[in-house]
Amino acid sequence: MLLPTVPRVRLRSAVAPSVDTPFGRLAFATTIGNTVLPPLPDEQFQLPGDRTLARWTTPGARVELLLTPYDPELDPETWGPLTGCRAAVWRIDATAPLGRVRFSAELPARLPEGADAGWDGVQALAAVTVEDGTTRLTVGGNDEEAICYAALKGEAPGRWAALMDEVYDRSFSTWGVDFGRHHGMTWALPPLEAGDHCELPVVAAWAPAADESANTLYAVMPSPTVVLRQVTAEPAKGADASNAG
């Protein structure tokens, strides 16, 4: 479960979780087997600090999605200031064996006129960047190597650490990151067993296109642990913990 000790208020009407960006909504979706979870969650909570937590419950899993402001703490002497930055943490807890799980973060398929999108990843980072003459937006998350390292940090099943060889031999792998048409990414996970959990971060950061410091790329490199630590480090005010689910 994400953030079990953080106060929350149950929202009476749920909305499809998304992040507003200069190039449209960044929308999220989960597929378990051949079933796509509905856009509207089963439960949704308001957390302190302009954060929301959505939850879906299926016969074989519980899925949660946290949306939160994020401060990547970029050194101002090296990186230019960001215009905006939002993070998501997706978590799945398997209650039965799951052979096929996918999670996606996608911008609109049709971008505004004059905007170009392309892959922009580096080691341990899967990322796409969209840019026009005014704004640069980068959306990033774990690549296959980072997923294996996440297994060593308790963010994914420990046995996934042994899959590192598959990262470099894609011909035998059934899991990994698909960039589609460079409007977003889809993560296909290795199989999950009952009792397993996995957490994946997604960060969207945008800044003026004229800034050449690559600030948006370096802003989208956190682990889910880093994002969650920022949430729990802030004093929780104005929420009723008795409403937590």
C-alpha atoms as a PDB file:
ATOM      1  CA  MET A   1       0.000   0.000   0.000  1.00  0.00           C
ATOM      2  CA  LEU A   2       1.233   3.494  -0.828  1.00  0.00           C
ATOM      3  CA  LEU A   3       1.603   5.976   2.051  1.00  0.00           C
ATOM      4  CA  PRO A   4      -0.423   4.071   4.686  1.00  0.00           C
ATOM      5  CA  THR A   5       0.319   6.663   7.408  1.00  0.00           C
ATOM      6  CA  VAL A   6      -0.499   9.814   5.387  1.00  0.00           C
ATOM      7  CA  PRO A   7      -3.916  11.353   6.200  1.00  0.00           C
ATOM      8  CA  ARG A   8      -6.477  11.327   3.409  1.00  0.00           C
ATOM      9  CA  VAL A   9     -10.052  12.275   2.663  1.00  0.00           C
ATOM     10  CA  ARG A  10     -12.177  10.001   0.501  1.00  0.00           C
ATOM     11  CA  LEU A  11     -13.511  11.805  -2.569  1.00  0.00           C
ATOM     12  CA  ARG A  12     -17.179  11.184  -3.261  1.00  0.00           C
ATOM     13  CA  SER A  13     -16.816  11.351  -7.051  1.00  0.00           C
ATOM     14  CA  ALA A  14     -13.774   9.864  -8.752  1.00  0.00           C
ATOM     15  CA  VAL A  15     -12.106  11.277 -11.858  1.00  0.00           C
ATOM     16  CA  ALA A  16      -9.628   9.617 -14.188  1.00  0.00           C
ATOM     17  CA  PRO A  17      -6.137  10.376 -12.815  1.00  0.00           C
ATOM     18  CA  SER A  18      -3.991  12.465 -15.162  1.00  0.00           C
ATOM     19  CA  VAL A  19      -1.354  15.199 -15.218  1.00  0.00           C
ATOM     20  CA  ASP A  20      -1.974  18.434 -17.109  1.00  0.00           C
ATOM     21  CA  THR A  21       1.058  19.363 -19.229  1.00  0.00           C
ATOM     22  CA  PRO A  22       1.705  22.070 -21.818  1.00  0.00           C
ATOM     23  CA  PHE A  23       1.113  19.429 -24.523  1.00  0.00           C
ATOM     24  CA  GLY A  24      -2.101  17.946 -23.147  1.00  0.00           C
ATOM     25  CA  ARG A  25      -3.092  15.456 -20.491  1.00  0.00           C
ATOM     26  CA  LEU A  26      -0.649  12.739 -19.482  1.00  0.00           C
ATOM     27  CA  ALA A  27      -3.033   9.825 -18.952  1.00  0.00           C
ATOM     28  CA  PHE A  28      -2.350   6.505 -17.225  1.00  0.00           C
ATOM     29  CA  ALA A  29      -3.666   2.995 -17.799  1.00  0.00           C
ATOM     30  CA  THR A  30      -3.144  -0.475 -16.332  1.00  0.00           C
ATOM     31  CA  THR A  31      -3.698  -3.750 -18.168  1.00  0.00           C
ATOM     32  CA  ILE A  32      -3.793  -7.054 -16.281  1.00  0.00           C
ATOM     33  CA  GLY A  33      -3.912 -10.041 -18.617  1.00  0.00           C
ATOM     34  CA  ASN A  34      -6.263  -8.916 -21.369  1.00  0.00           C
ATOM     35  CA  THR A  35      -8.276  -6.621 -19.100  1.00  0.00           C
ATOM     36  CA  VAL A  36      -7.739  -2.865 -19.126  1.00  0.00           C
ATOM     37  CA  LEU A  37      -8.718  -1.355 -15.790  1.00  0.00           C
ATOM     38  CA  PRO A  38     -11.400   1.344 -16.158  1.00  0.00           C
ATOM     39  CA  PRO A  39     -10.192   4.970 -16.264  1.00  0.00           C
ATOM     40  CA  LEU A  40     -12.258   5.786 -13.162  1.00  0.00           C
ATOM     41  CA  PRO A  41     -10.784   4.203 -10.025  1.00  0.00           C
ATOM     42  CA  ASP A  42     -12.816   2.256  -7.469  1.00  0.00           C
ATOM     43  CA  GLU A  43     -11.708   4.699  -4.766  1.00  0.00           C
ATOM     44  CA  GLN A  44      -9.988   8.076  -4.795  1.00  0.00           C
ATOM     45  CA  PHE A  45      -8.531  10.102  -1.948  1.00  0.00           C
ATOM     46  CA  GLN A  46      -7.360  13.691  -1.482  1.00  0.00           C
ATOM     47  CA  LEU A  47      -4.019  13.912   0.312  1.00  0.00           C
ATOM     48  CA  PRO A  48      -2.366  17.013   1.767  1.00  0.00           C
ATOM     49  CA  GLY A  49      -0.416  19.206  -0.633  1.00  0.00           C
ATOM     50  CA  ASP A  50      -2.490  18.974  -3.831  1.00  0.00           C
ATOM     51  CA  ARG A  51      -2.057  15.207  -4.075  1.00  0.00           C
ATOM     52  CA  THR A  52      -4.476  12.447  -5.001  1.00  0.00           C
ATOM     53  CA  LEU A  53      -4.363   8.680  -4.578  1.00  0.00           C
ATOM     54  CA  ALA A  54      -6.460   6.421  -6.802  1.00  0.00           C
ATOM     55  CA  ARG A  55      -7.133   2.741  -6.122  1.00  0.00           C
ATOM     56  CA  TRP A  56      -8.459  -0.148  -8.216  1.00  0.00           C
ATOM     57  CA  THR A  57      -9.218  -3.591  -6.791  1.00  0.00           C
ATOM     58  CA  THR A  58      -9.403  -6.682  -8.993  1.00  0.00           C
ATOM     59  CA  PRO A  59      -9.677 -10.407  -8.155  1.00  0.00           C
ATOM     60  CA  GLY A  60      -5.900 -10.804  -8.503  1.00  0.00           C
ATOM     61  CA  ALA A  61      -4.430  -7.429  -7.575  1.00  0.00           C
ATOM     62  CA  ARG A  62      -4.731  -4.032  -5.973  1.00  0.00           C
ATOM     63  CA  VAL A  63      -3.440  -1.102  -8.026  1.00  0.00           C
ATOM     64  CA  GLU A  64      -2.722   2.379  -6.669  1.00  0.00           C
ATOM     65  CA  LEU A  65      -1.662   5.575  -8.403  1.00  0.00           C
ATOM     66  CA  LEU A  66      -0.337   8.596  -6.525  1.00  0.00           C
ATOM     67  CA  LEU A  67      -0.192  11.979  -8.271  1.00  0.00           C
ATOM     68  CA  THR A  68       1.885  14.630  -6.545  1.00  0.00           C
ATOM     69  CA  PRO A  69       3.875  17.825  -7.079  1.00  0.00           C
ATOM     70  CA  TYR A  70       7.561  16.988  -7.200  1.00  0.00           C
ATOM     71  CA  ASP A  71      10.687  19.005  -6.480  1.00  0.00           C
ATOM     72  CA  PRO A  72      13.690  17.380  -8.199  1.00  0.00           C
ATOM     73  CA  GLU A  73      16.013  19.662  -6.200  1.00  0.00           C
ATOM     74  CA  LEU A  74      18.148  20.627  -9.188  1.00  0.00           C
ATOM     75  CA  ASP A  75      21.278  22.602  -8.425  1.00  0.00           C
ATOM     76  CA  PRO A  76      20.453  26.162  -9.610  1.00  0.00           C
ATOM     77  CA  GLU A  77      24.115  26.730 -10.490  1.00  0.00           C
ATOM     78  CA  THR A  78      23.905  23.921 -13.066  1.00  0.00           C
ATOM     79  CA  TRP A  79      20.296  23.663 -14.191  1.00  0.00           C
ATOM     80  CA  GLY A  80      17.822  26.294 -15.282  1.00  0.00           C
ATOM     81  CA  PRO A  81      14.524  26.602 -13.377  1.00  0.00           C
ATOM     82  CA  LEU A  82      11.588  24.391 -14.309  1.00  0.00           C
ATOM     83  CA  THR A  83       8.198  25.805 -15.188  1.00  0.00           C
ATOM     84  CA  GLY A  84       6.399  22.799 -13.707  1.00  0.00           C
ATOM     85  CA  CYS A  85       7.013  19.283 -12.413  1.00  0.00           C
ATOM     86  CA  ARG A  86       4.575  16.535 -11.390  1.00  0.00           C
ATOM     87  CA  ALA A  87       5.233  12.951 -10.408  1.00  0.00           C
ATOM     88  CA  ALA A  88       3.223   9.748 -10.304  1.00  0.00           C
ATOM     89  CA  VAL A  89       3.943   6.556  -8.399  1.00  0.00           C
ATOM     90  CA  TRP A  90       2.147   3.450  -9.646  1.00  0.00           C
ATOM     91  CA  ARG A  91       2.004   0.388  -7.398  1.00  0.00           C
ATOM     92  CA  ILE A  92       0.572  -3.076  -7.909  1.00  0.00           C
ATOM     93  CA  ASP A  93       0.142  -5.629  -5.125  1.00  0.00           C
ATOM     94  CA  ALA A  94      -0.491  -9.112  -6.527  1.00  0.00           C
ATOM     95  CA  THR A  95      -2.863 -11.369  -4.604  1.00  0.00           C
ATOM     96  CA  ALA A  96      -2.615 -14.106  -7.255  1.00  0.00           C
ATOM     97  CA  PRO A  97      -0.036 -15.034  -9.919  1.00  0.00           C
ATOM     98  CA  LEU A  98      -0.062 -12.450 -12.724  1.00  0.00           C
ATOM     99  CA  GLY A  99       1.651 -13.405 -15.941  1.00  0.00           C
ATOM    100  CA  ARG A 100       1.042 -10.206 -17.853  1.00  0.00           C
ATOM    101  CA  VAL A 101       0.846  -6.701 -16.407  1.00  0.00           C
ATOM    102  CA  ARG A 102       1.304  -3.464 -18.304  1.00  0.00           C
ATOM    103  CA  PHE A 103       1.269   0.158 -17.153  1.00  0.00           C
ATOM    104  CA  SER A 104       1.294   3.136 -19.506  1.00  0.00           C
ATOM    105  CA  ALA A 105       1.707   6.911 -19.359  1.00  0.00           C
ATOM    106  CA  GLU A 106       0.636   8.577 -22.602  1.00  0.00           C
ATOM    107  CA  LEU A 107       0.228  12.084 -23.987  1.00  0.00           C
ATOM    108  CA  PRO A 108      -2.422  12.730 -26.669  1.00  0.00           C
ATOM    109  CA  ALA A 109      -1.626  10.910 -29.912  1.00  0.00           C
ATOM    110  CA  ARG A 110      -2.072  14.168 -31.815  1.00  0.00           C
ATOM    111  CA  LEU A 111       0.305  16.794 -30.474  1.00  0.00           C
ATOM    112  CA  PRO A 112      -0.125  20.518 -31.137  1.00  0.00           C
ATOM    113  CA  GLU A 113       1.104  21.770 -34.488  1.00  0.00           C
ATOM    114  CA  GLY A 114       4.821  22.487 -34.422  1.00  0.00           C
ATOM    115  CA  ALA A 115       5.597  20.046 -31.587  1.00  0.00           C
ATOM    116  CA  ASP A 116       8.075  17.209 -32.117  1.00  0.00           C
ATOM    117  CA  ALA A 117       8.370  14.139 -29.876  1.00  0.00           C
ATOM    118  CA  GLY A 118      11.231  11.659 -29.568  1.00  0.00           C
ATOM    119  CA  TRP A 119      12.983   9.150 -27.341  1.00  0.00           C
ATOM    120  CA  ASP A 120      15.301  10.863 -24.867  1.00  0.00           C
ATOM    121  CA  GLY A 121      16.493   8.164 -22.454  1.00  0.00           C
ATOM    122  CA  VAL A 122      19.896   7.632 -20.902  1.00  0.00           C
ATOM    123  CA  GLN A 123      21.309   4.820 -18.751  1.00  0.00           C
ATOM    124  CA  ALA A 124      18.661   3.568 -16.279  1.00  0.00           C
ATOM    125  CA  LEU A 125      16.129   6.106 -17.590  1.00  0.00           C
ATOM    126  CA  ALA A 126      13.346   5.660 -20.126  1.00  0.00           C
ATOM    127  CA  ALA A 127      12.180   9.065 -21.337  1.00  0.00           C
ATOM    128  CA  VAL A 128      10.488  10.938 -24.154  1.00  0.00           C
ATOM    129  CA  THR A 129      10.754  14.648 -24.812  1.00  0.00           C
ATOM    130  CA  VAL A 130       8.246  16.850 -26.618  1.00  0.00           C
ATOM    131  CA  GLU A 131       9.331  20.292 -27.755  1.00  0.00           C
ATOM    132  CA  ASP A 132       8.082  23.215 -29.774  1.00  0.00           C
ATOM    133  CA  GLY A 133       9.545  26.672 -30.167  1.00  0.00           C
ATOM    134  CA  THR A 134       8.421  27.681 -26.692  1.00  0.00           C
ATOM    135  CA  THR A 135       8.361  24.726 -24.300  1.00  0.00           C
ATOM    136  CA  ARG A 136      10.235  21.476 -23.662  1.00  0.00           C
ATOM    137  CA  LEU A 137       8.479  18.645 -21.787  1.00  0.00           C
ATOM    138  CA  THR A 138      10.182  15.437 -20.666  1.00  0.00           C
ATOM    139  CA  VAL A 139       8.346  12.409 -19.292  1.00  0.00           C
ATOM    140  CA  GLY A 140      10.558   9.797 -17.674  1.00  0.00           C
ATOM    141  CA  GLY A 141      10.568   6.590 -15.657  1.00  0.00           C
ATOM    142  CA  ASN A 142      12.481   3.355 -15.134  1.00  0.00           C
ATOM    143  CA  ASP A 143      14.057   1.555 -18.058  1.00  0.00           C
ATOM    144  CA  GLU A 144      14.715  -2.193 -17.921  1.00  0.00           C
ATOM    145  CA  GLU A 145      18.025  -1.768 -16.097  1.00  0.00           C
ATOM    146  CA  ALA A 146      16.414   0.473 -13.489  1.00  0.00           C
ATOM    147  CA  ILE A 147      13.638  -2.095 -12.954  1.00  0.00           C
ATOM    148  CA  CYS A 148      16.272  -4.706 -12.118  1.00  0.00           C
ATOM    149  CA  TYR A 149      17.979  -2.301  -9.719  1.00  0.00           C
ATOM    150  CA  ALA A 150      14.587  -1.528  -8.153  1.00  0.00           C
ATOM    151  CA  ALA A 151      14.408  -5.203  -7.191  1.00  0.00           C
ATOM    152  CA  LEU A 152      17.496  -4.699  -5.030  1.00  0.00           C
ATOM    153  CA  LYS A 153      15.839  -1.760  -3.222  1.00  0.00           C
ATOM    154  CA  GLY A 154      12.557  -3.468  -2.375  1.00  0.00           C
ATOM    155  CA  GLU A 155      10.590  -1.554  -5.020  1.00  0.00           C
ATOM    156  CA  ALA A 156      10.032  -4.736  -7.077  1.00  0.00           C
ATOM    157  CA  PRO A 157      10.266  -8.515  -6.469  1.00  0.00           C
ATOM    158  CA  GLY A 158      13.809  -9.445  -5.481  1.00  0.00           C
ATOM    159  CA  ARG A 159      14.104 -12.222  -8.085  1.00  0.00           C
ATOM    160  CA  TRP A 160      13.829  -9.604 -10.852  1.00  0.00           C
ATOM    161  CA  ALA A 161      17.427  -8.577 -10.095  1.00  0.00           C
ATOM    162  CA  ALA A 162      18.516 -11.803 -11.815  1.00  0.00           C
ATOM    163  CA  LEU A 163      16.904 -10.641 -15.073  1.00  0.00           C
ATOM    164  CA  MET A 164      19.709  -8.181 -15.845  1.00  0.00           C
ATOM    165  CA  ASP A 165      21.038 -10.406 -18.647  1.00  0.00           C
ATOM    166  CA  GLU A 166      17.706 -10.032 -20.441  1.00  0.00           C
ATOM    167  CA  VAL A 167      18.164  -6.261 -20.462  1.00  0.00           C
ATOM    168  CA  TYR A 168      21.027  -6.695 -22.928  1.00  0.00           C
ATOM    169  CA  ASP A 169      19.530  -9.596 -24.900  1.00  0.00           C
ATOM    170  CA  ARG A 170      16.124  -8.357 -25.956  1.00  0.00           C
ATOM    171  CA  SER A 171      15.512 -11.303 -28.316  1.00  0.00           C
ATOM    172  CA  PHE A 172      14.507 -13.538 -25.389  1.00  0.00           C
ATOM    173  CA  SER A 173      12.685 -11.026 -23.204  1.00  0.00           C
ATOM    174  CA  THR A 174       8.918 -10.716 -22.841  1.00  0.00           C
ATOM    175  CA  TRP A 175       9.083  -7.598 -20.663  1.00  0.00           C
ATOM    176  CA  GLY A 176      10.424  -4.087 -21.013  1.00  0.00           C
ATOM    177  CA  VAL A 177       9.562  -0.539 -22.079  1.00  0.00           C
ATOM    178  CA  ASP A 178       7.742   0.275 -25.320  1.00  0.00           C
ATOM    179  CA  PHE A 179       7.944   3.878 -26.568  1.00  0.00           C
ATOM    180  CA  GLY A 180       5.149   3.521 -29.107  1.00  0.00           C
ATOM    181  CA  ARG A 181       5.074   6.680 -31.213  1.00  0.00           C
ATOM    182  CA  HIS A 182       7.129   8.611 -28.652  1.00  0.00           C
ATOM    183  CA  HIS A 183       4.038  10.176 -27.073  1.00  0.00           C
ATOM    184  CA  GLY A 184       4.601   8.175 -23.899  1.00  0.00           C
ATOM    185  CA  MET A 185       5.701   4.790 -22.614  1.00  0.00           C
ATOM    186  CA  THR A 186       4.296   1.393 -21.676  1.00  0.00           C
ATOM    187  CA  TRP A 187       5.991  -0.834 -19.125  1.00  0.00           C
ATOM    188  CA  ALA A 188       5.420  -4.592 -19.515  1.00  0.00           C
ATOM    189  CA  LEU A 189       6.469  -6.271 -16.275  1.00  0.00           C
ATOM    190  CA  PRO A 190       8.013  -9.670 -15.623  1.00  0.00           C
ATOM    191  CA  PRO A 191       5.543 -12.143 -14.058  1.00  0.00           C
ATOM    192  CA  LEU A 192       4.322 -11.443 -10.516  1.00  0.00           C
ATOM    193  CA  GLU A 193       3.568 -14.042  -7.853  1.00  0.00           C
ATOM    194  CA  ALA A 194       0.978 -13.753  -5.087  1.00  0.00           C
ATOM    195  CA  GLY A 195       2.402 -11.451  -2.409  1.00  0.00           C
ATOM    196  CA  ASP A 196       4.660  -9.545  -4.830  1.00  0.00           C
ATOM    197  CA  HIS A 197       4.521  -5.812  -5.331  1.00  0.00           C
ATOM    198  CA  CYS A 198       6.096  -3.389  -7.789  1.00  0.00           C
ATOM    199  CA  GLU A 199       6.381   0.403  -7.727  1.00  0.00           C
ATOM    200  CA  LEU A 200       7.149   2.498 -10.805  1.00  0.00           C
ATOM    201  CA  PRO A 201       7.768   6.270 -10.925  1.00  0.00           C
ATOM    202  CA  VAL A 202       6.721   8.587 -13.748  1.00  0.00           C
ATOM    203  CA  VAL A 203       7.793  12.240 -13.728  1.00  0.00           C
ATOM    204  CA  ALA A 204       6.756  15.019 -16.106  1.00  0.00           C
ATOM    205  CA  ALA A 205       8.885  18.179 -16.095  1.00  0.00           C
ATOM    206  CA  TRP A 206       8.683  21.176 -18.394  1.00  0.00           C
ATOM    207  CA  ALA A 207      10.709  24.329 -18.954  1.00  0.00           C
ATOM    208  CA  PRO A 208      11.331  26.996 -21.612  1.00  0.00           C
ATOM    209  CA  ALA A 209      12.705  25.446 -24.805  1.00  0.00           C
ATOM    210  CA  ALA A 210      15.429  28.076 -24.927  1.00  0.00           C
ATOM    211  CA  ASP A 211      17.019  26.637 -21.775  1.00  0.00           C
ATOM    212  CA  GLU A 212      19.852  24.372 -22.970  1.00  0.00           C
ATOM    213  CA  SER A 213      20.781  22.940 -19.555  1.00  0.00           C
ATOM    214  CA  ALA A 214      18.882  19.624 -20.066  1.00  0.00           C
ATOM    215  CA  ASN A 215      17.062  20.423 -16.836  1.00  0.00           C
ATOM    216  CA  THR A 216      13.913  18.512 -17.754  1.00  0.00           C
ATOM    217  CA  LEU A 217      15.882  15.320 -18.450  1.00  0.00           C
ATOM    218  CA  TYR A 218      17.656  15.403 -15.106  1.00  0.00           C
ATOM    219  CA  ALA A 219      14.418  16.260 -13.310  1.00  0.00           C
ATOM    220  CA  VAL A 220      12.732  12.979 -14.287  1.00  0.00           C
ATOM    221  CA  MET A 221      15.219  10.525 -12.756  1.00  0.00           C
ATOM    222  CA  PRO A 222      13.884   9.683  -9.274  1.00  0.00           C
ATOM    223  CA  SER A 223      12.989   6.349  -7.722  1.00  0.00           C
ATOM    224  CA  PRO A 224       9.498   5.930  -6.236  1.00  0.00           C
ATOM    225  CA  THR A 225      11.169   5.890  -2.823  1.00  0.00           C
ATOM    226  CA  VAL A 226      12.468   9.429  -3.409  1.00  0.00           C
ATOM    227  CA  VAL A 227       9.031  10.690  -4.453  1.00  0.00           C
ATOM    228  CA  LEU A 228       7.306   9.056  -1.482  1.00  0.00           C
ATOM    229  CA  ARG A 229       9.942  10.423   0.890  1.00  0.00           C
ATOM    230  CA  GLN A 230       9.113  13.957  -0.246  1.00  0.00           C
ATOM    231  CA  VAL A 231       5.432  13.345   0.439  1.00  0.00           C
ATOM    232  CA  THR A 232       5.963  11.995   3.942  1.00  0.00           C
ATOM    233  CA  ALA A 233       8.535  14.675   4.806  1.00  0.00           C
ATOM    234  CA  GLU A 234       5.949  17.456   4.564  1.00  0.00           C
ATOM    235  CA  PRO A 235       3.726  18.136   7.584  1.00  0.00           C
ATOM    236  CA  ALA A 236       0.226  16.859   6.918  1.00  0.00           C
ATOM    237  CA  LYS A 237      -2.364  19.516   7.719  1.00  0.00           C
ATOM    238  CA  GLY A 238      -6.046  19.863   7.067  1.00  0.00           C
ATOM    239  CA  ALA A 239      -6.844  16.200   6.407  1.00  0.00           C
ATOM    240  CA  ASP A 240      -8.718  13.737   8.583  1.00  0.00           C
ATOM    241  CA  ALA A 241      -6.788  10.515   9.080  1.00  0.00           C
ATOM    242  CA  SER A 242      -9.972   8.774  10.215  1.00  0.00           C
ATOM    243  CA  ASN A 243     -11.149   8.789   6.580  1.00  0.00           C
ATOM    244  CA  ALA A 244      -8.190   6.725   5.385  1.00  0.00           C
ATOM    245  CA  GLY A 245      -9.059   3.533   3.509  1.00  0.00           C
END
